[in-house]
Amino acid sequence: MSAPDWIAADWGTSHLRLWMMQGDAPVRRIDDPRGMSKLSPDGYEAVLLELLGDSLTGPTDVIICGMAGARQGWKEAPYASVPCAIPSEGIPVPTSDPRLRVRILPGMSQSAPPDVMRGEETQIGGFLAAESGFDGVLCLPGTHTKWVHVSAAEVVSFRTFMTGEMFDLLSKQSVLRFSVGDGWDQDTFLEAVDQAMGRPATVAADLFAIRAGSLLSGDGPGAARARLSGLLIGLELAGARPYWLGQQVVILGENALAEIYPS
């Protein structure tokens, strides 16, 4: 394969994703488990050289978004405060190998209520590059789901919901780990979404009912998984109501996760 024109990187807390680019087109993707949480500041360059070294024939731009720009990351890239356009100027990072010319893009911050994002702003920028006239709300599902109000090519405000992280913690580290397993029941999921949206104050009790249902009624692991996901997403939708009610909403994310969100 010919040498890439430049490298795009999404360096998150738990994973690294690299795209070798020819112009605007990705020609190869590399995934690696060495996210920010597994590295010290002096370890990032070594990871890039290990993964890319054979393809680097000369000075190559590496544009990074995500947690590599956090205070605990490779080099801090200060937040841009909303309302503002998507940041496009990266912070240069010194490297030992002259084949790497690294820049880290800033994240975005909000003062009231306090909130931050790193990485999602680049997804938003990609969407706006294709849909420059969009005025509405973007939902970016993930470990920390973002609801983002966009107008006049600027991010106006956003809120973060820890839905994905809560699902992971509850399904793996709480008493629900004895009930939740593989499989899926779409009707159970939708019922749980409606239940949580209609009665968000009882979700803490409804969560324990998942465990009780498996003990008393023999509810299967797939149904338990769907109910847990539905309750948490329903709780999120109840909290995000000011963002989606009466708005044009686009779900922006990988298909498997984006398709879970009710239309």
C-alpha atoms as a PDB file:
ATOM      1  CA  MET A   1       0.000   0.000   0.000  1.00  0.00           C
ATOM      2  CA  SER A   2       1.247   3.507  -0.829  1.00  0.00           C
ATOM      3  CA  ALA A   3       2.159   5.863   1.981  1.00  0.00           C
ATOM      4  CA  PRO A   4      -0.818   7.778   3.423  1.00  0.00           C
ATOM      5  CA  ASP A   5      -1.208  11.483   2.783  1.00  0.00           C
ATOM      6  CA  TRP A   6      -2.051  11.971   6.462  1.00  0.00           C
ATOM      7  CA  ILE A   7      -3.333  10.102   9.503  1.00  0.00           C
ATOM      8  CA  ALA A   8      -6.596  10.681  11.383  1.00  0.00           C
ATOM      9  CA  ALA A   9      -6.793   9.433  14.970  1.00  0.00           C
ATOM     10  CA  ASP A  10      -9.541   9.151  17.558  1.00  0.00           C
ATOM     11  CA  TRP A  11      -7.646   8.512  20.808  1.00  0.00           C
ATOM     12  CA  GLY A  12     -10.196   7.747  23.482  1.00  0.00           C
ATOM     13  CA  THR A  13      -9.981   6.658  27.090  1.00  0.00           C
ATOM     14  CA  SER A  14      -9.996   2.936  26.335  1.00  0.00           C
ATOM     15  CA  HIS A  15      -9.280   2.601  22.604  1.00  0.00           C
ATOM     16  CA  LEU A  16      -7.315   4.103  19.736  1.00  0.00           C
ATOM     17  CA  ARG A  17      -8.656   4.211  16.184  1.00  0.00           C
ATOM     18  CA  LEU A  18      -6.400   5.257  13.321  1.00  0.00           C
ATOM     19  CA  TRP A  19      -7.342   5.924   9.703  1.00  0.00           C
ATOM     20  CA  MET A  20      -4.726   6.132   6.967  1.00  0.00           C
ATOM     21  CA  MET A  21      -6.008   8.791   4.586  1.00  0.00           C
ATOM     22  CA  GLN A  22      -5.555   9.468   0.897  1.00  0.00           C
ATOM     23  CA  GLY A  23      -7.022  12.931   0.488  1.00  0.00           C
ATOM     24  CA  ASP A  24     -10.457  12.795   2.142  1.00  0.00           C
ATOM     25  CA  ALA A  25     -10.794   9.016   1.806  1.00  0.00           C
ATOM     26  CA  PRO A  26      -9.742   6.460   4.449  1.00  0.00           C
ATOM     27  CA  VAL A  27      -7.834   3.562   2.910  1.00  0.00           C
ATOM     28  CA  ARG A  28      -7.075   1.558   6.043  1.00  0.00           C
ATOM     29  CA  ARG A  29      -8.257   1.482   9.651  1.00  0.00           C
ATOM     30  CA  ILE A  30      -6.263   0.302  12.664  1.00  0.00           C
ATOM     31  CA  ASP A  31      -7.826  -0.377  16.082  1.00  0.00           C
ATOM     32  CA  ASP A  32      -5.758  -0.709  19.224  1.00  0.00           C
ATOM     33  CA  PRO A  33      -6.726  -1.164  22.905  1.00  0.00           C
ATOM     34  CA  ARG A  34      -4.112   1.281  24.213  1.00  0.00           C
ATOM     35  CA  GLY A  35      -6.315   4.219  25.102  1.00  0.00           C
ATOM     36  CA  MET A  36      -5.435   7.211  27.257  1.00  0.00           C
ATOM     37  CA  SER A  37      -6.090   5.311  30.489  1.00  0.00           C
ATOM     38  CA  LYS A  38      -3.291   2.840  29.670  1.00  0.00           C
ATOM     39  CA  LEU A  39      -0.587   5.369  28.686  1.00  0.00           C
ATOM     40  CA  SER A  40       1.690   7.950  30.230  1.00  0.00           C
ATOM     41  CA  PRO A  41       2.492  11.093  28.204  1.00  0.00           C
ATOM     42  CA  ASP A  42       5.778   9.614  26.972  1.00  0.00           C
ATOM     43  CA  GLY A  43       4.070   6.480  25.612  1.00  0.00           C
ATOM     44  CA  TYR A  44       1.924   7.926  22.821  1.00  0.00           C
ATOM     45  CA  GLU A  45       4.627   8.430  20.220  1.00  0.00           C
ATOM     46  CA  ALA A  46       5.883   4.878  20.686  1.00  0.00           C
ATOM     47  CA  VAL A  47       2.390   3.498  20.028  1.00  0.00           C
ATOM     48  CA  LEU A  48       2.057   5.527  16.824  1.00  0.00           C
ATOM     49  CA  LEU A  49       5.453   4.374  15.580  1.00  0.00           C
ATOM     50  CA  GLU A  50       4.667   0.751  16.372  1.00  0.00           C
ATOM     51  CA  LEU A  51       1.388   0.907  14.442  1.00  0.00           C
ATOM     52  CA  LEU A  52       2.410   3.218  11.601  1.00  0.00           C
ATOM     53  CA  GLY A  53       6.190   3.078  11.321  1.00  0.00           C
ATOM     54  CA  ASP A  54       6.403   0.912   8.200  1.00  0.00           C
ATOM     55  CA  SER A  55       4.018   3.187   6.293  1.00  0.00           C
ATOM     56  CA  LEU A  56       5.778   6.471   7.120  1.00  0.00           C
ATOM     57  CA  THR A  57       8.156   7.390   4.302  1.00  0.00           C
ATOM     58  CA  GLY A  58       8.460  11.072   5.165  1.00  0.00           C
ATOM     59  CA  PRO A  59       6.973  13.778   7.393  1.00  0.00           C
ATOM     60  CA  THR A  60       3.300  12.860   7.855  1.00  0.00           C
ATOM     61  CA  ASP A  61       0.573  14.898   9.530  1.00  0.00           C
ATOM     62  CA  VAL A  62      -1.251  13.091  12.322  1.00  0.00           C
ATOM     63  CA  ILE A  63      -4.453  14.852  13.408  1.00  0.00           C
ATOM     64  CA  ILE A  64      -5.783  13.558  16.730  1.00  0.00           C
ATOM     65  CA  CYS A  65      -9.076  14.116  18.514  1.00  0.00           C
ATOM     66  CA  GLY A  66     -10.253  12.697  21.816  1.00  0.00           C
ATOM     67  CA  MET A  67      -8.743  12.058  25.218  1.00  0.00           C
ATOM     68  CA  ALA A  68      -5.139  12.324  24.041  1.00  0.00           C
ATOM     69  CA  GLY A  69      -5.791  16.061  24.436  1.00  0.00           C
ATOM     70  CA  ALA A  70      -7.010  15.771  28.041  1.00  0.00           C
ATOM     71  CA  ARG A  71      -5.041  17.050  31.009  1.00  0.00           C
ATOM     72  CA  GLN A  72      -3.987  13.449  31.726  1.00  0.00           C
ATOM     73  CA  GLY A  73      -3.257  12.705  28.051  1.00  0.00           C
ATOM     74  CA  TRP A  74      -0.370  13.332  25.682  1.00  0.00           C
ATOM     75  CA  LYS A  75      -0.636  17.126  25.646  1.00  0.00           C
ATOM     76  CA  GLU A  76      -3.553  19.198  26.884  1.00  0.00           C
ATOM     77  CA  ALA A  77      -5.581  20.920  24.165  1.00  0.00           C
ATOM     78  CA  PRO A  78      -7.689  23.547  25.978  1.00  0.00           C
ATOM     79  CA  TYR A  79     -11.444  23.433  25.470  1.00  0.00           C
ATOM     80  CA  ALA A  80     -13.300  25.797  23.168  1.00  0.00           C
ATOM     81  CA  SER A  81     -16.292  27.287  25.021  1.00  0.00           C
ATOM     82  CA  VAL A  82     -19.778  27.037  23.508  1.00  0.00           C
ATOM     83  CA  PRO A  83     -21.519  28.626  21.754  1.00  0.00           C
ATOM     84  CA  CYS A  84     -18.880  28.388  19.045  1.00  0.00           C
ATOM     85  CA  ALA A  85     -17.983  26.732  15.767  1.00  0.00           C
ATOM     86  CA  ILE A  86     -16.259  23.348  15.742  1.00  0.00           C
ATOM     87  CA  PRO A  87     -12.541  23.830  16.588  1.00  0.00           C
ATOM     88  CA  SER A  88     -10.341  23.209  13.561  1.00  0.00           C
ATOM     89  CA  GLU A  89      -6.897  24.357  14.707  1.00  0.00           C
ATOM     90  CA  GLY A  90      -4.914  21.688  16.508  1.00  0.00           C
ATOM     91  CA  ILE A  91      -2.297  22.071  19.228  1.00  0.00           C
ATOM     92  CA  PRO A  92       1.166  21.006  17.970  1.00  0.00           C
ATOM     93  CA  VAL A  93       2.843  18.201  19.901  1.00  0.00           C
ATOM     94  CA  PRO A  94       6.652  17.834  19.823  1.00  0.00           C
ATOM     95  CA  THR A  95       7.860  14.399  18.677  1.00  0.00           C
ATOM     96  CA  SER A  96      11.251  12.723  18.554  1.00  0.00           C
ATOM     97  CA  ASP A  97      10.709  11.071  15.171  1.00  0.00           C
ATOM     98  CA  PRO A  98      10.675  13.666  12.342  1.00  0.00           C
ATOM     99  CA  ARG A  99       8.266  11.504  10.326  1.00  0.00           C
ATOM    100  CA  LEU A 100       5.462  12.463  12.755  1.00  0.00           C
ATOM    101  CA  ARG A 101       3.878  15.921  12.686  1.00  0.00           C
ATOM    102  CA  VAL A 102       1.242  15.666  15.393  1.00  0.00           C
ATOM    103  CA  ARG A 103      -1.565  18.055  16.221  1.00  0.00           C
ATOM    104  CA  ILE A 104      -4.333  17.498  18.781  1.00  0.00           C
ATOM    105  CA  LEU A 105      -7.732  19.104  18.283  1.00  0.00           C
ATOM    106  CA  PRO A 106      -9.393  20.862  21.246  1.00  0.00           C
ATOM    107  CA  GLY A 107     -12.575  19.577  22.814  1.00  0.00           C
ATOM    108  CA  MET A 108     -15.551  21.751  23.753  1.00  0.00           C
ATOM    109  CA  SER A 109     -16.832  22.954  27.118  1.00  0.00           C
ATOM    110  CA  GLN A 110     -19.977  24.462  28.595  1.00  0.00           C
ATOM    111  CA  SER A 111     -20.095  26.455  31.811  1.00  0.00           C
ATOM    112  CA  ALA A 112     -23.769  26.215  32.811  1.00  0.00           C
ATOM    113  CA  PRO A 113     -24.544  23.443  33.405  1.00  0.00           C
ATOM    114  CA  PRO A 114     -20.893  22.335  33.413  1.00  0.00           C
ATOM    115  CA  ASP A 115     -20.128  19.850  30.658  1.00  0.00           C
ATOM    116  CA  VAL A 116     -17.281  18.822  28.376  1.00  0.00           C
ATOM    117  CA  MET A 117     -16.660  16.710  25.272  1.00  0.00           C
ATOM    118  CA  ARG A 118     -13.530  15.407  23.570  1.00  0.00           C
ATOM    119  CA  GLY A 119     -13.793  13.576  20.270  1.00  0.00           C
ATOM    120  CA  GLU A 120     -17.516  13.985  19.659  1.00  0.00           C
ATOM    121  CA  GLU A 121     -16.965  17.526  18.355  1.00  0.00           C
ATOM    122  CA  THR A 122     -15.019  16.036  15.436  1.00  0.00           C
ATOM    123  CA  GLN A 123     -17.954  13.765  14.583  1.00  0.00           C
ATOM    124  CA  ILE A 124     -20.208  16.822  14.694  1.00  0.00           C
ATOM    125  CA  GLY A 125     -17.799  18.689  12.416  1.00  0.00           C
ATOM    126  CA  GLY A 126     -17.881  15.828   9.919  1.00  0.00           C
ATOM    127  CA  PHE A 127     -21.672  15.837   9.929  1.00  0.00           C
ATOM    128  CA  LEU A 128     -21.826  19.609   9.418  1.00  0.00           C
ATOM    129  CA  ALA A 129     -19.342  19.388   6.546  1.00  0.00           C
ATOM    130  CA  ALA A 130     -21.941  17.295   4.719  1.00  0.00           C
ATOM    131  CA  GLU A 131     -25.041  19.049   6.124  1.00  0.00           C
ATOM    132  CA  SER A 132     -23.934  22.664   6.450  1.00  0.00           C
ATOM    133  CA  GLY A 133     -27.467  24.035   6.773  1.00  0.00           C
ATOM    134  CA  PHE A 134     -28.521  21.731   9.613  1.00  0.00           C
ATOM    135  CA  ASP A 135     -30.384  23.399  12.468  1.00  0.00           C
ATOM    136  CA  GLY A 136     -31.521  21.023  15.168  1.00  0.00           C
ATOM    137  CA  VAL A 137     -30.257  18.422  17.610  1.00  0.00           C
ATOM    138  CA  LEU A 138     -27.661  15.682  17.251  1.00  0.00           C
ATOM    139  CA  CYS A 139     -27.674  12.645  19.542  1.00  0.00           C
ATOM    140  CA  LEU A 140     -24.321  10.847  19.729  1.00  0.00           C
ATOM    141  CA  PRO A 141     -24.859   7.534  21.558  1.00  0.00           C
ATOM    142  CA  GLY A 142     -21.945   5.979  23.410  1.00  0.00           C
ATOM    143  CA  THR A 143     -20.442   5.391  26.803  1.00  0.00           C
ATOM    144  CA  HIS A 144     -21.249   9.035  27.512  1.00  0.00           C
ATOM    145  CA  THR A 145     -24.100   9.984  25.185  1.00  0.00           C
ATOM    146  CA  LYS A 146     -24.210  13.591  23.983  1.00  0.00           C
ATOM    147  CA  TRP A 147     -27.307  15.611  23.088  1.00  0.00           C
ATOM    148  CA  VAL A 148     -26.128  18.635  21.117  1.00  0.00           C
ATOM    149  CA  HIS A 149     -28.052  21.679  19.905  1.00  0.00           C
ATOM    150  CA  VAL A 150     -26.586  22.967  16.636  1.00  0.00           C
ATOM    151  CA  SER A 151     -27.579  26.210  14.925  1.00  0.00           C
ATOM    152  CA  ALA A 152     -25.889  28.434  12.302  1.00  0.00           C
ATOM    153  CA  ALA A 153     -22.955  25.976  12.095  1.00  0.00           C
ATOM    154  CA  GLU A 154     -22.238  26.387  15.818  1.00  0.00           C
ATOM    155  CA  VAL A 155     -22.690  24.184  18.863  1.00  0.00           C
ATOM    156  CA  VAL A 156     -25.108  26.175  21.032  1.00  0.00           C
ATOM    157  CA  SER A 157     -25.364  23.838  24.024  1.00  0.00           C
ATOM    158  CA  PHE A 158     -25.067  20.172  24.962  1.00  0.00           C
ATOM    159  CA  ARG A 159     -25.701  17.672  27.755  1.00  0.00           C
ATOM    160  CA  THR A 160     -23.899  14.420  28.531  1.00  0.00           C
ATOM    161  CA  PHE A 161     -25.695  11.329  29.849  1.00  0.00           C
ATOM    162  CA  MET A 162     -23.656   8.456  31.342  1.00  0.00           C
ATOM    163  CA  THR A 163     -26.097   5.885  29.954  1.00  0.00           C
ATOM    164  CA  GLY A 164     -23.546   3.528  28.401  1.00  0.00           C
ATOM    165  CA  GLU A 165     -21.277   3.568  31.427  1.00  0.00           C
ATOM    166  CA  MET A 166     -24.223   2.951  33.757  1.00  0.00           C
ATOM    167  CA  PHE A 167     -25.289  -0.026  31.651  1.00  0.00           C
ATOM    168  CA  ASP A 168     -21.777  -1.458  31.801  1.00  0.00           C
ATOM    169  CA  LEU A 169     -21.470  -0.988  35.565  1.00  0.00           C
ATOM    170  CA  LEU A 170     -24.920  -2.334  36.400  1.00  0.00           C
ATOM    171  CA  SER A 171     -24.697  -5.329  34.054  1.00  0.00           C
ATOM    172  CA  LYS A 172     -21.206  -6.344  35.193  1.00  0.00           C
ATOM    173  CA  GLN A 173     -20.689  -5.117  38.760  1.00  0.00           C
ATOM    174  CA  SER A 174     -24.117  -4.986  40.421  1.00  0.00           C
ATOM    175  CA  VAL A 175     -26.528  -7.701  41.544  1.00  0.00           C
ATOM    176  CA  LEU A 176     -27.998  -7.505  38.027  1.00  0.00           C
ATOM    177  CA  ARG A 177     -24.950  -9.329  36.684  1.00  0.00           C
ATOM    178  CA  PHE A 178     -26.641 -12.572  37.791  1.00  0.00           C
ATOM    179  CA  SER A 179     -29.640 -11.834  35.547  1.00  0.00           C
ATOM    180  CA  VAL A 180     -28.351  -9.934  32.505  1.00  0.00           C
ATOM    181  CA  GLY A 181     -26.827 -11.971  29.680  1.00  0.00           C
ATOM    182  CA  ASP A 182     -26.812 -12.350  25.919  1.00  0.00           C
ATOM    183  CA  GLY A 183     -29.879 -12.004  23.754  1.00  0.00           C
ATOM    184  CA  TRP A 184     -32.486  -9.324  23.191  1.00  0.00           C
ATOM    185  CA  ASP A 185     -36.240  -8.815  23.388  1.00  0.00           C
ATOM    186  CA  GLN A 186     -37.357  -5.744  21.450  1.00  0.00           C
ATOM    187  CA  ASP A 187     -40.860  -5.615  22.946  1.00  0.00           C
ATOM    188  CA  THR A 188     -39.415  -5.711  26.461  1.00  0.00           C
ATOM    189  CA  PHE A 189     -36.966  -2.966  25.538  1.00  0.00           C
ATOM    190  CA  LEU A 190     -39.661  -0.627  24.191  1.00  0.00           C
ATOM    191  CA  GLU A 191     -41.896  -1.314  27.184  1.00  0.00           C
ATOM    192  CA  ALA A 192     -39.026  -0.381  29.523  1.00  0.00           C
ATOM    193  CA  VAL A 193     -38.289   2.828  27.574  1.00  0.00           C
ATOM    194  CA  ASP A 194     -41.930   3.928  27.941  1.00  0.00           C
ATOM    195  CA  GLN A 195     -41.929   2.941  31.606  1.00  0.00           C
ATOM    196  CA  ALA A 196     -38.845   5.016  32.435  1.00  0.00           C
ATOM    197  CA  MET A 197     -39.954   8.025  30.400  1.00  0.00           C
ATOM    198  CA  GLY A 198     -43.360   8.003  32.083  1.00  0.00           C
ATOM    199  CA  ARG A 199     -42.135   7.337  35.632  1.00  0.00           C
ATOM    200  CA  PRO A 200     -38.450   8.312  35.885  1.00  0.00           C
ATOM    201  CA  ALA A 201     -38.658   8.647  39.677  1.00  0.00           C
ATOM    202  CA  THR A 202     -39.173   4.885  40.074  1.00  0.00           C
ATOM    203  CA  VAL A 203     -36.301   3.717  37.842  1.00  0.00           C
ATOM    204  CA  ALA A 204     -34.099   2.765  40.814  1.00  0.00           C
ATOM    205  CA  ALA A 205     -36.851   0.393  41.983  1.00  0.00           C
ATOM    206  CA  ASP A 206     -37.591  -0.818  38.449  1.00  0.00           C
ATOM    207  CA  LEU A 207     -33.935  -1.775  38.067  1.00  0.00           C
ATOM    208  CA  PHE A 208     -34.087  -4.111  41.054  1.00  0.00           C
ATOM    209  CA  ALA A 209     -37.270  -5.623  39.629  1.00  0.00           C
ATOM    210  CA  ILE A 210     -35.096  -7.002  36.814  1.00  0.00           C
ATOM    211  CA  ARG A 211     -33.344  -9.223  39.347  1.00  0.00           C
ATOM    212  CA  ALA A 212     -36.590 -10.145  41.065  1.00  0.00           C
ATOM    213  CA  GLY A 213     -38.180 -11.037  37.731  1.00  0.00           C
ATOM    214  CA  SER A 214     -35.423 -13.492  36.912  1.00  0.00           C
ATOM    215  CA  LEU A 215     -35.794 -15.147  40.334  1.00  0.00           C
ATOM    216  CA  LEU A 216     -39.579 -15.281  40.551  1.00  0.00           C
ATOM    217  CA  SER A 217     -40.781 -15.394  36.955  1.00  0.00           C
ATOM    218  CA  GLY A 218     -37.849 -16.994  35.162  1.00  0.00           C
ATOM    219  CA  ASP A 219     -37.232 -13.957  32.961  1.00  0.00           C
ATOM    220  CA  GLY A 220     -34.376 -14.845  30.601  1.00  0.00           C
ATOM    221  CA  PRO A 221     -31.011 -13.086  30.308  1.00  0.00           C
ATOM    222  CA  GLY A 222     -31.907 -11.508  26.956  1.00  0.00           C
ATOM    223  CA  ALA A 223     -35.098  -9.979  28.337  1.00  0.00           C
ATOM    224  CA  ALA A 224     -33.179  -8.730  31.376  1.00  0.00           C
ATOM    225  CA  ARG A 225     -30.594  -7.125  29.120  1.00  0.00           C
ATOM    226  CA  ALA A 226     -33.274  -5.438  27.035  1.00  0.00           C
ATOM    227  CA  ARG A 227     -35.125  -4.186  30.115  1.00  0.00           C
ATOM    228  CA  LEU A 228     -31.962  -2.733  31.650  1.00  0.00           C
ATOM    229  CA  SER A 229     -31.093  -0.959  28.414  1.00  0.00           C
ATOM    230  CA  GLY A 230     -34.646   0.286  27.974  1.00  0.00           C
ATOM    231  CA  LEU A 231     -34.880   1.701  31.494  1.00  0.00           C
ATOM    232  CA  LEU A 232     -31.583   3.563  31.160  1.00  0.00           C
ATOM    233  CA  ILE A 233     -32.318   4.931  27.686  1.00  0.00           C
ATOM    234  CA  GLY A 234     -35.829   5.896  28.783  1.00  0.00           C
ATOM    235  CA  LEU A 235     -34.366   7.743  31.765  1.00  0.00           C
ATOM    236  CA  GLU A 236     -31.979   9.524  29.395  1.00  0.00           C
ATOM    237  CA  LEU A 237     -34.787  10.481  27.032  1.00  0.00           C
ATOM    238  CA  ALA A 238     -36.806  11.868  29.934  1.00  0.00           C
ATOM    239  CA  GLY A 239     -33.860  14.036  30.950  1.00  0.00           C
ATOM    240  CA  ALA A 240     -33.088  15.092  27.380  1.00  0.00           C
ATOM    241  CA  ARG A 241     -36.690  16.073  26.595  1.00  0.00           C
ATOM    242  CA  PRO A 242     -35.839  19.803  26.224  1.00  0.00           C
ATOM    243  CA  TYR A 243     -33.409  18.813  23.459  1.00  0.00           C
ATOM    244  CA  TRP A 244     -35.582  16.518  21.351  1.00  0.00           C
ATOM    245  CA  LEU A 245     -39.145  17.740  21.944  1.00  0.00           C
ATOM    246  CA  GLY A 246     -40.304  19.531  18.791  1.00  0.00           C
ATOM    247  CA  GLN A 247     -36.814  19.453  17.278  1.00  0.00           C
ATOM    248  CA  GLN A 248     -35.283  17.886  14.201  1.00  0.00           C
ATOM    249  CA  VAL A 249     -33.098  15.110  15.666  1.00  0.00           C
ATOM    250  CA  VAL A 250     -30.354  13.108  13.966  1.00  0.00           C
ATOM    251  CA  ILE A 251     -28.832  10.053  15.665  1.00  0.00           C
ATOM    252  CA  LEU A 252     -25.123  10.134  14.853  1.00  0.00           C
ATOM    253  CA  GLY A 253     -23.169   6.981  15.635  1.00  0.00           C
ATOM    254  CA  GLU A 254     -22.331   3.426  14.670  1.00  0.00           C
ATOM    255  CA  ASN A 255     -25.344   1.501  13.402  1.00  0.00           C
ATOM    256  CA  ALA A 256     -25.548  -1.145  16.127  1.00  0.00           C
ATOM    257  CA  LEU A 257     -25.868   1.446  18.892  1.00  0.00           C
ATOM    258  CA  ALA A 258     -27.674   4.175  16.970  1.00  0.00           C
ATOM    259  CA  GLU A 259     -30.431   1.809  15.884  1.00  0.00           C
ATOM    260  CA  ILE A 260     -31.333   1.035  19.504  1.00  0.00           C
ATOM    261  CA  TYR A 261     -32.618   4.565  20.077  1.00  0.00           C
ATOM    262  CA  PRO A 262     -36.391   4.749  19.455  1.00  0.00           C
ATOM    263  CA  SER A 263     -37.401   6.934  16.518  1.00  0.00           C
END
